[in-house]
């Protein structure tokens, strides 16, 4: 079992920055990839960014050049640095962990990011 707790959400003006954190606990040795997803009101949950155990990263086109995913020194914390925020970035941001060899996904409860225009 893996537990994920997100933090760092809040209200920010357009053009501003926020840094989200996701702390993993439990069977963290089984985590292969950690990702951020987001869900805006009325929309489906969508992929934002991922980082592998080898520190390879991928981003959604909508956030490339503005968001950066990284790991903490302890490797059980993942950050999402969000710059140049836009009102359309408003969403609940969720942390995800993919574990191996089970292939099971774990989700946090989410943190709300609101970007005002």
Protein backbone atom coordinates (compact mmCIF):
# COMPACT_ATOMS: atom_id res chain seq x y z
CA UNK A 1 0.00 0.00 0.00
CA UNK A 2 1.11 3.51 -0.80
CA UNK A 3 -0.33 6.66 0.71
CA UNK A 4 -0.03 10.00 -1.05
CA UNK A 5 -0.62 13.42 0.46
CA UNK A 6 -0.63 16.55 -1.67
CA UNK A 7 -0.10 20.08 -0.41
CA UNK A 8 0.67 23.54 -1.71
CA UNK A 9 -2.52 24.45 -3.51
CA UNK A 10 -4.16 27.81 -3.13
CA UNK A 11 -5.34 30.97 -4.81
CA UNK A 12 -2.94 32.85 -7.07
CA UNK A 13 -3.26 35.58 -9.67
CA UNK A 14 -2.63 34.89 -13.31
CA UNK A 15 1.08 35.00 -14.04
CA UNK A 16 1.94 33.85 -10.55
CA UNK A 17 3.60 30.69 -9.27
CA UNK A 18 2.83 27.84 -6.91
CA UNK A 19 4.74 24.74 -5.87
CA UNK A 20 2.81 21.59 -5.14
CA UNK A 21 4.23 18.78 -3.04
CA UNK A 22 3.31 15.11 -2.87
CA UNK A 23 4.62 13.01 -0.01
CA UNK A 24 4.53 9.25 -0.40
CA UNK A 25 4.56 6.77 2.46
CA UNK A 26 4.07 3.07 2.90
CA UNK A 27 5.56 0.72 0.31
CA UNK A 28 7.52 3.45 -1.43
CA UNK A 29 10.13 0.95 -2.64
CA UNK A 30 7.52 -0.35 -5.10
CA UNK A 31 6.91 3.03 -6.74
CA UNK A 32 8.07 3.19 -10.35
CA UNK A 33 6.66 6.47 -11.58
CA UNK A 34 5.03 9.44 -9.91
CA UNK A 35 2.76 11.78 -11.77
CA UNK A 36 0.54 14.79 -11.42
CA UNK A 37 -2.93 14.91 -12.91
CA UNK A 38 -5.57 17.60 -12.69
CA UNK A 39 -9.31 17.85 -12.99
CA UNK A 40 -11.09 21.09 -13.73
CA UNK A 41 -14.79 21.50 -12.92
CA UNK A 42 -16.88 19.63 -15.48
CA UNK A 43 -13.83 18.07 -17.11
CA UNK A 44 -12.19 14.69 -17.01
CA UNK A 45 -8.99 14.13 -15.09
CA UNK A 46 -6.01 14.84 -17.33
CA UNK A 47 -2.30 14.11 -17.26
CA UNK A 48 0.02 16.97 -16.32
CA UNK A 49 3.52 15.59 -15.70
CA UNK A 50 5.39 12.44 -14.68
CA UNK A 51 8.80 11.51 -13.38
CA UNK A 52 10.30 8.04 -13.38
CA UNK A 53 12.70 6.44 -10.95
CA UNK A 54 15.41 7.30 -13.44
CA UNK A 55 14.30 10.94 -13.31
CA UNK A 56 12.97 10.96 -16.87
CA UNK A 57 10.16 13.47 -17.19
CA UNK A 58 7.19 14.01 -19.46
CA UNK A 59 4.75 16.90 -19.65
CA UNK A 60 1.40 17.65 -21.18
CA UNK A 61 1.74 20.09 -24.06
CA UNK A 62 -0.42 22.60 -22.20
CA UNK A 63 2.14 22.97 -19.38
CA UNK A 64 5.47 22.50 -21.18
CA UNK A 65 7.84 25.34 -20.41
CA UNK A 66 5.75 26.49 -17.45
CA UNK A 67 5.63 23.50 -15.07
CA UNK A 68 8.53 21.46 -13.73
CA UNK A 69 8.27 18.13 -11.93
CA UNK A 70 11.09 17.05 -9.63
CA UNK A 71 11.92 14.73 -6.76
CA UNK A 72 13.12 15.59 -3.30
CA UNK A 73 16.39 14.25 -1.93
CA UNK A 74 14.55 11.54 -0.02
CA UNK A 75 12.93 10.36 -3.28
CA UNK A 76 9.56 9.91 -1.58
CA UNK A 77 8.50 13.47 -2.29
CA UNK A 78 7.63 14.89 -5.68
CA UNK A 79 7.16 18.54 -6.47
CA UNK A 80 5.37 20.39 -9.21
CA UNK A 81 6.68 23.90 -9.73
CA UNK A 82 4.06 25.87 -11.62
CA UNK A 83 5.02 29.20 -13.16
CA UNK A 84 3.16 31.63 -15.41
CA UNK A 85 -0.13 30.27 -14.18
CA UNK A 86 -3.24 30.87 -16.25
CA UNK A 87 -6.92 30.86 -15.25
CA UNK A 88 -7.32 27.68 -17.30
CA UNK A 89 -4.90 25.95 -14.92
CA UNK A 90 -7.57 26.12 -12.22
CA UNK A 91 -8.22 22.56 -11.11
CA UNK A 92 -7.83 20.01 -8.37
CA UNK A 93 -4.34 18.56 -8.76
CA UNK A 94 -3.85 14.92 -7.88
CA UNK A 95 -0.67 12.98 -7.20
CA UNK A 96 -0.40 9.48 -8.66
CA UNK A 97 2.03 6.65 -8.00
CA UNK A 98 2.45 3.64 -10.24
CA UNK A 99 3.84 0.61 -8.45
CA UNK A 100 5.65 -2.41 -9.82
CA UNK A 101 5.38 -5.28 -10.32
CA UNK A 102 1.67 -5.06 -9.50
CA UNK A 103 0.93 -2.20 -11.88
CA UNK A 104 -1.39 -0.74 -9.27
CA UNK A 105 -2.04 2.98 -9.26
CA UNK A 106 -2.46 5.01 -6.08
CA UNK A 107 -4.01 8.46 -5.82
CA UNK A 108 -3.91 11.26 -3.32
CA UNK A 109 -7.00 13.23 -2.34
CA UNK A 110 -5.97 16.27 -4.34
CA UNK A 111 -5.15 19.90 -3.72
CA UNK A 112 -7.09 22.79 -5.23
CA UNK A 113 -5.33 25.38 -7.38
CA UNK A 114 -7.32 28.46 -8.29
CA UNK A 115 -5.89 31.02 -10.70
CA UNK A 116 -7.71 34.33 -10.85
CA UNK A 117 -7.65 36.59 -13.89
